[in-house]
Amino acid sequence: MRKLTYYVASTVDGFIATDDGSVDFFPVGGDHGPAINAQYPETLPTKVREAIGLQDRNRYFDTVVMGRKTHEFGVRTGTSSPYAHLRQFVVSRTMPESPDPAVELISADPVQKVRALKREQGLGIWLCGGGQLAQALIPEIDQIFLKLHPIVLGRGRPLFGAGPRLPEPARFRVITSTVFEDGVAVVKYSRIR
């Protein structure tokens, strides 16, 4: 069975974006970027891959699931199909139709769709955001790969949204952790079932 991995950047106080969705406060550069890009080249948007001449095959993920707000961030940067090298899904109850022929719209229960995707053959499924969708998909998240930046934002969009409390805690264990010279820590968690 394929795994759903929430792979995301966060501040130490648990925010993935500002209130308006900006991620400009996350620094670009440093030594963490090249290492992460080498390990997960498929997590770079297609336009970025093309600009830097990256032609690596997908190593870990072949499918990406994102919320409407995460997708809209890509639209604001000029693309309605940000990860054309992956099978793309956007979860939204408010979008009337798919924003792009290469992007499938999930307008019903995302948990049921992710369960169906996990039963298919292939590489892993990347949940790239946002926090509200991650909160809804907690029952299906098998792994969390967290790029933890040494930043305190104070407020913004939380890592797991602001949805209802879980009936019981979802427990994870650390499988690996790496701290880079630029201060970014990459911590990988696996679900304890």
C-alpha atoms as a PDB file:
ATOM      1  CA  MET A   1       0.000   0.000   0.000  1.00  0.00           C
ATOM      2  CA  ARG A   2       1.247   3.486  -0.845  1.00  0.00           C
ATOM      3  CA  LYS A   3       1.955   5.978   1.919  1.00  0.00           C
ATOM      4  CA  LEU A   4       0.593   9.489   2.344  1.00  0.00           C
ATOM      5  CA  THR A   5       3.399  11.815   3.444  1.00  0.00           C
ATOM      6  CA  TYR A   6       2.793  15.337   4.695  1.00  0.00           C
ATOM      7  CA  TYR A   7       6.004  17.000   3.489  1.00  0.00           C
ATOM      8  CA  VAL A   8       6.029  20.676   4.411  1.00  0.00           C
ATOM      9  CA  ALA A   9       8.097  23.579   5.730  1.00  0.00           C
ATOM     10  CA  SER A  10       7.179  24.993   9.133  1.00  0.00           C
ATOM     11  CA  THR A  11       8.314  27.557  11.663  1.00  0.00           C
ATOM     12  CA  VAL A  12       9.248  26.344  15.132  1.00  0.00           C
ATOM     13  CA  ASP A  13       5.906  27.700  16.375  1.00  0.00           C
ATOM     14  CA  GLY A  14       3.998  25.573  13.866  1.00  0.00           C
ATOM     15  CA  PHE A  15       3.062  27.873  10.977  1.00  0.00           C
ATOM     16  CA  ILE A  16       3.360  27.017   7.278  1.00  0.00           C
ATOM     17  CA  ALA A  17       2.423  30.457   5.901  1.00  0.00           C
ATOM     18  CA  THR A  18       1.353  33.923   6.981  1.00  0.00           C
ATOM     19  CA  ASP A  19      -2.346  34.718   7.371  1.00  0.00           C
ATOM     20  CA  ASP A  20      -2.467  35.821   3.716  1.00  0.00           C
ATOM     21  CA  GLY A  21      -0.679  32.678   2.485  1.00  0.00           C
ATOM     22  CA  SER A  22       2.776  34.146   1.928  1.00  0.00           C
ATOM     23  CA  VAL A  23       5.825  31.945   2.463  1.00  0.00           C
ATOM     24  CA  ASP A  24       8.380  34.658   1.667  1.00  0.00           C
ATOM     25  CA  PHE A  25       9.736  34.548   5.226  1.00  0.00           C
ATOM     26  CA  PHE A  26      11.246  31.088   4.610  1.00  0.00           C
ATOM     27  CA  PRO A  27      14.829  31.762   3.493  1.00  0.00           C
ATOM     28  CA  VAL A  28      15.970  30.599   0.086  1.00  0.00           C
ATOM     29  CA  GLY A  29      19.461  29.201  -0.089  1.00  0.00           C
ATOM     30  CA  GLY A  30      21.566  27.706   2.622  1.00  0.00           C
ATOM     31  CA  ASP A  31      22.830  24.169   2.674  1.00  0.00           C
ATOM     32  CA  HIS A  32      19.491  22.447   3.346  1.00  0.00           C
ATOM     33  CA  GLY A  33      18.011  23.241  -0.088  1.00  0.00           C
ATOM     34  CA  PRO A  34      20.427  21.317  -2.333  1.00  0.00           C
ATOM     35  CA  ALA A  35      20.380  18.299  -0.019  1.00  0.00           C
ATOM     36  CA  ILE A  36      16.578  18.160   0.080  1.00  0.00           C
ATOM     37  CA  ASN A  37      16.238  18.785  -3.656  1.00  0.00           C
ATOM     38  CA  ALA A  38      18.655  15.939  -4.381  1.00  0.00           C
ATOM     39  CA  GLN A  39      16.637  13.561  -2.224  1.00  0.00           C
ATOM     40  CA  TYR A  40      13.159  14.726  -3.316  1.00  0.00           C
ATOM     41  CA  PRO A  41      13.543  16.317  -6.778  1.00  0.00           C
ATOM     42  CA  GLU A  42       9.858  15.764  -7.520  1.00  0.00           C
ATOM     43  CA  THR A  43       8.875  18.292  -4.818  1.00  0.00           C
ATOM     44  CA  LEU A  44      10.201  21.175  -6.902  1.00  0.00           C
ATOM     45  CA  PRO A  45       7.593  22.810  -9.163  1.00  0.00           C
ATOM     46  CA  THR A  46       7.920  21.842 -12.817  1.00  0.00           C
ATOM     47  CA  LYS A  47       8.895  25.401 -13.847  1.00  0.00           C
ATOM     48  CA  VAL A  48      11.718  25.426 -11.283  1.00  0.00           C
ATOM     49  CA  ARG A  49      12.918  21.999 -12.433  1.00  0.00           C
ATOM     50  CA  GLU A  50      13.014  23.246 -16.025  1.00  0.00           C
ATOM     51  CA  ALA A  51      14.785  26.500 -15.082  1.00  0.00           C
ATOM     52  CA  ILE A  52      17.611  24.678 -13.290  1.00  0.00           C
ATOM     53  CA  GLY A  53      17.808  21.827 -15.809  1.00  0.00           C
ATOM     54  CA  LEU A  54      16.727  19.168 -13.333  1.00  0.00           C
ATOM     55  CA  GLN A  55      15.689  16.014 -15.151  1.00  0.00           C
ATOM     56  CA  ASP A  56      15.842  13.523 -12.278  1.00  0.00           C
ATOM     57  CA  ARG A  57      13.088  10.943 -12.139  1.00  0.00           C
ATOM     58  CA  ASN A  58      10.577  11.008  -9.341  1.00  0.00           C
ATOM     59  CA  ARG A  59      12.227   9.118  -6.499  1.00  0.00           C
ATOM     60  CA  TYR A  60       9.700   9.113  -3.689  1.00  0.00           C
ATOM     61  CA  PHE A  61       6.374  10.543  -4.909  1.00  0.00           C
ATOM     62  CA  ASP A  62       4.380  10.228  -8.132  1.00  0.00           C
ATOM     63  CA  THR A  63       1.188  11.883  -6.851  1.00  0.00           C
ATOM     64  CA  VAL A  64       0.557  15.212  -5.119  1.00  0.00           C
ATOM     65  CA  VAL A  65      -2.539  16.274  -3.182  1.00  0.00           C
ATOM     66  CA  MET A  66      -3.013  19.921  -2.251  1.00  0.00           C
ATOM     67  CA  GLY A  67      -5.705  22.185  -0.901  1.00  0.00           C
ATOM     68  CA  ARG A  68      -7.266  25.038  -2.855  1.00  0.00           C
ATOM     69  CA  LYS A  69      -5.225  27.738  -1.093  1.00  0.00           C
ATOM     70  CA  THR A  70      -1.970  25.888  -1.776  1.00  0.00           C
ATOM     71  CA  HIS A  71      -2.951  25.514  -5.428  1.00  0.00           C
ATOM     72  CA  GLU A  72      -3.881  29.204  -5.654  1.00  0.00           C
ATOM     73  CA  PHE A  73      -0.348  30.073  -4.533  1.00  0.00           C
ATOM     74  CA  GLY A  74       0.887  28.347  -7.710  1.00  0.00           C
ATOM     75  CA  VAL A  75      -1.703  30.181  -9.795  1.00  0.00           C
ATOM     76  CA  ARG A  76      -0.416  33.502  -8.400  1.00  0.00           C
ATOM     77  CA  THR A  77       3.080  32.532  -9.547  1.00  0.00           C
ATOM     78  CA  GLY A  78       1.852  31.836 -13.056  1.00  0.00           C
ATOM     79  CA  THR A  79       0.825  28.207 -13.317  1.00  0.00           C
ATOM     80  CA  SER A  80      -2.372  26.233 -12.849  1.00  0.00           C
ATOM     81  CA  SER A  81      -0.445  22.945 -13.131  1.00  0.00           C
ATOM     82  CA  PRO A  82       2.480  23.432 -10.710  1.00  0.00           C
ATOM     83  CA  TYR A  83       3.652  19.803 -10.615  1.00  0.00           C
ATOM     84  CA  ALA A  84       3.104  18.589 -14.176  1.00  0.00           C
ATOM     85  CA  HIS A  85       5.649  15.793 -13.557  1.00  0.00           C
ATOM     86  CA  LEU A  86       3.277  14.312 -10.916  1.00  0.00           C
ATOM     87  CA  ARG A  87      -0.346  13.224 -10.903  1.00  0.00           C
ATOM     88  CA  GLN A  88      -2.017  16.281  -9.338  1.00  0.00           C
ATOM     89  CA  PHE A  89      -5.133  16.621  -7.177  1.00  0.00           C
ATOM     90  CA  VAL A  90      -6.682  19.766  -5.714  1.00  0.00           C
ATOM     91  CA  VAL A  91      -9.163  19.404  -2.869  1.00  0.00           C
ATOM     92  CA  SER A  92     -11.880  22.050  -2.841  1.00  0.00           C
ATOM     93  CA  ARG A  93     -15.579  22.240  -2.146  1.00  0.00           C
ATOM     94  CA  THR A  94     -15.812  25.744  -3.631  1.00  0.00           C
ATOM     95  CA  MET A  95     -14.149  25.356  -7.049  1.00  0.00           C
ATOM     96  CA  PRO A  96     -16.789  24.626  -9.693  1.00  0.00           C
ATOM     97  CA  GLU A  97     -14.392  22.677 -11.932  1.00  0.00           C
ATOM     98  CA  SER A  98     -10.785  21.605 -12.257  1.00  0.00           C
ATOM     99  CA  PRO A  99      -8.465  24.583 -12.706  1.00  0.00           C
ATOM    100  CA  ASP A 100      -6.410  22.797 -15.373  1.00  0.00           C
ATOM    101  CA  PRO A 101      -6.826  19.663 -17.519  1.00  0.00           C
ATOM    102  CA  ALA A 102      -3.733  18.172 -15.825  1.00  0.00           C
ATOM    103  CA  VAL A 103      -5.204  18.649 -12.337  1.00  0.00           C
ATOM    104  CA  GLU A 104      -7.987  16.478 -10.923  1.00  0.00           C
ATOM    105  CA  LEU A 105     -10.498  18.115  -8.595  1.00  0.00           C
ATOM    106  CA  ILE A 106     -11.563  16.351  -5.401  1.00  0.00           C
ATOM    107  CA  SER A 107     -14.801  18.021  -4.336  1.00  0.00           C
ATOM    108  CA  ALA A 108     -16.124  15.192  -2.154  1.00  0.00           C
ATOM    109  CA  ASP A 109     -14.586  13.572   0.919  1.00  0.00           C
ATOM    110  CA  PRO A 110     -10.772  13.761   0.541  1.00  0.00           C
ATOM    111  CA  VAL A 111     -10.254  10.903   3.031  1.00  0.00           C
ATOM    112  CA  GLN A 112     -12.094   8.446   0.779  1.00  0.00           C
ATOM    113  CA  LYS A 113     -10.163   9.600  -2.304  1.00  0.00           C
ATOM    114  CA  VAL A 114      -6.803   9.319  -0.527  1.00  0.00           C
ATOM    115  CA  ARG A 115      -7.703   5.825   0.686  1.00  0.00           C
ATOM    116  CA  ALA A 116      -8.420   4.843  -2.934  1.00  0.00           C
ATOM    117  CA  LEU A 117      -5.132   6.399  -4.114  1.00  0.00           C
ATOM    118  CA  LYS A 118      -3.209   4.509  -1.427  1.00  0.00           C
ATOM    119  CA  ARG A 119      -4.559   1.202  -2.777  1.00  0.00           C
ATOM    120  CA  GLU A 120      -3.177   1.938  -6.268  1.00  0.00           C
ATOM    121  CA  GLN A 121       0.272   0.849  -7.432  1.00  0.00           C
ATOM    122  CA  GLY A 122       3.016   3.428  -7.568  1.00  0.00           C
ATOM    123  CA  LEU A 123       5.288   5.640  -5.549  1.00  0.00           C
ATOM    124  CA  GLY A 124       4.209   7.636  -2.501  1.00  0.00           C
ATOM    125  CA  ILE A 125       1.566  10.332  -2.268  1.00  0.00           C
ATOM    126  CA  TRP A 126       2.736  13.802  -1.260  1.00  0.00           C
ATOM    127  CA  LEU A 127       0.416  15.989   0.771  1.00  0.00           C
ATOM    128  CA  CYS A 128       1.998  19.372   0.123  1.00  0.00           C
ATOM    129  CA  GLY A 129      -0.537  21.550   1.924  1.00  0.00           C
ATOM    130  CA  GLY A 130      -2.331  23.183   3.351  1.00  0.00           C
ATOM    131  CA  GLY A 131      -2.937  22.932   7.026  1.00  0.00           C
ATOM    132  CA  GLN A 132      -6.715  22.594   6.860  1.00  0.00           C
ATOM    133  CA  LEU A 133      -6.417  19.698   4.426  1.00  0.00           C
ATOM    134  CA  ALA A 134      -3.715  18.088   6.578  1.00  0.00           C
ATOM    135  CA  GLN A 135      -6.052  18.313   9.556  1.00  0.00           C
ATOM    136  CA  ALA A 136      -8.826  16.583   7.574  1.00  0.00           C
ATOM    137  CA  LEU A 137      -6.433  13.874   6.376  1.00  0.00           C
ATOM    138  CA  ILE A 138      -4.794  13.092   9.747  1.00  0.00           C
ATOM    139  CA  PRO A 139      -6.369   9.598   9.796  1.00  0.00           C
ATOM    140  CA  GLU A 140      -4.565   8.772   6.524  1.00  0.00           C
ATOM    141  CA  ILE A 141      -1.187  10.463   7.099  1.00  0.00           C
ATOM    142  CA  ASP A 142       1.477   7.751   7.359  1.00  0.00           C
ATOM    143  CA  GLN A 143       4.533  10.006   7.524  1.00  0.00           C
ATOM    144  CA  ILE A 144       5.379  13.629   8.233  1.00  0.00           C
ATOM    145  CA  PHE A 145       8.536  15.078   6.718  1.00  0.00           C
ATOM    146  CA  LEU A 146       8.978  18.443   8.396  1.00  0.00           C
ATOM    147  CA  LYS A 147      11.440  21.101   7.262  1.00  0.00           C
ATOM    148  CA  LEU A 148      11.660  22.997  10.536  1.00  0.00           C
ATOM    149  CA  HIS A 149      12.992  26.542  10.099  1.00  0.00           C
ATOM    150  CA  PRO A 150      14.455  28.416  13.076  1.00  0.00           C
ATOM    151  CA  ILE A 151      11.817  31.150  12.806  1.00  0.00           C
ATOM    152  CA  VAL A 152       9.051  32.189  15.176  1.00  0.00           C
ATOM    153  CA  LEU A 153       6.250  33.750  13.141  1.00  0.00           C
ATOM    154  CA  GLY A 154       3.795  34.390  15.964  1.00  0.00           C
ATOM    155  CA  ARG A 155       0.701  33.879  13.844  1.00  0.00           C
ATOM    156  CA  GLY A 156      -0.294  32.524  10.462  1.00  0.00           C
ATOM    157  CA  ARG A 157      -1.639  29.355   8.908  1.00  0.00           C
ATOM    158  CA  PRO A 158      -1.103  26.439  11.303  1.00  0.00           C
ATOM    159  CA  LEU A 159       0.587  23.199  10.330  1.00  0.00           C
ATOM    160  CA  PHE A 160      -2.653  21.309  10.976  1.00  0.00           C
ATOM    161  CA  GLY A 161      -5.302  23.983  10.531  1.00  0.00           C
ATOM    162  CA  ALA A 162      -7.719  24.954  13.253  1.00  0.00           C
ATOM    163  CA  GLY A 163     -10.252  22.181  12.846  1.00  0.00           C
ATOM    164  CA  PRO A 164     -12.028  20.106  15.457  1.00  0.00           C
ATOM    165  CA  ARG A 165     -10.049  18.230  18.107  1.00  0.00           C
ATOM    166  CA  LEU A 166      -9.099  14.657  17.373  1.00  0.00           C
ATOM    167  CA  PRO A 167     -10.920  11.960  19.347  1.00  0.00           C
ATOM    168  CA  GLU A 168      -7.477  10.680  20.370  1.00  0.00           C
ATOM    169  CA  PRO A 169      -3.896  11.776  19.647  1.00  0.00           C
ATOM    170  CA  ALA A 170      -2.287  10.634  16.396  1.00  0.00           C
ATOM    171  CA  ARG A 171       1.108   9.278  17.437  1.00  0.00           C
ATOM    172  CA  PHE A 172       4.308   9.375  15.390  1.00  0.00           C
ATOM    173  CA  ARG A 173       7.918   8.423  16.015  1.00  0.00           C
ATOM    174  CA  VAL A 174      11.060  10.047  14.642  1.00  0.00           C
ATOM    175  CA  ILE A 175      12.687   7.888  11.974  1.00  0.00           C
ATOM    176  CA  THR A 176      15.474  10.321  11.008  1.00  0.00           C
ATOM    177  CA  SER A 177      16.554  13.869  11.719  1.00  0.00           C
ATOM    178  CA  THR A 178      19.187  16.094  10.185  1.00  0.00           C
ATOM    179  CA  VAL A 179      20.215  19.583  11.242  1.00  0.00           C
ATOM    180  CA  PHE A 180      21.886  21.655   8.542  1.00  0.00           C
ATOM    181  CA  GLU A 181      24.463  24.414   9.043  1.00  0.00           C
ATOM    182  CA  ASP A 182      21.855  27.016   8.047  1.00  0.00           C
ATOM    183  CA  GLY A 183      19.755  25.971  11.065  1.00  0.00           C
ATOM    184  CA  VAL A 184      17.029  24.106   9.215  1.00  0.00           C
ATOM    185  CA  ALA A 185      16.189  20.740  10.756  1.00  0.00           C
ATOM    186  CA  VAL A 186      14.555  18.034   8.661  1.00  0.00           C
ATOM    187  CA  VAL A 187      12.705  15.630  10.911  1.00  0.00           C
ATOM    188  CA  LYS A 188      10.981  12.579   9.462  1.00  0.00           C
ATOM    189  CA  TYR A 189       8.192  10.939  11.432  1.00  0.00           C
ATOM    190  CA  SER A 190       6.408   7.640  10.882  1.00  0.00           C
ATOM    191  CA  ARG A 191       2.908   6.895  12.143  1.00  0.00           C
ATOM    192  CA  ILE A 192       2.547   4.510  15.060  1.00  0.00           C
ATOM    193  CA  ARG A 193      -0.555   2.450  14.284  1.00  0.00           C
END
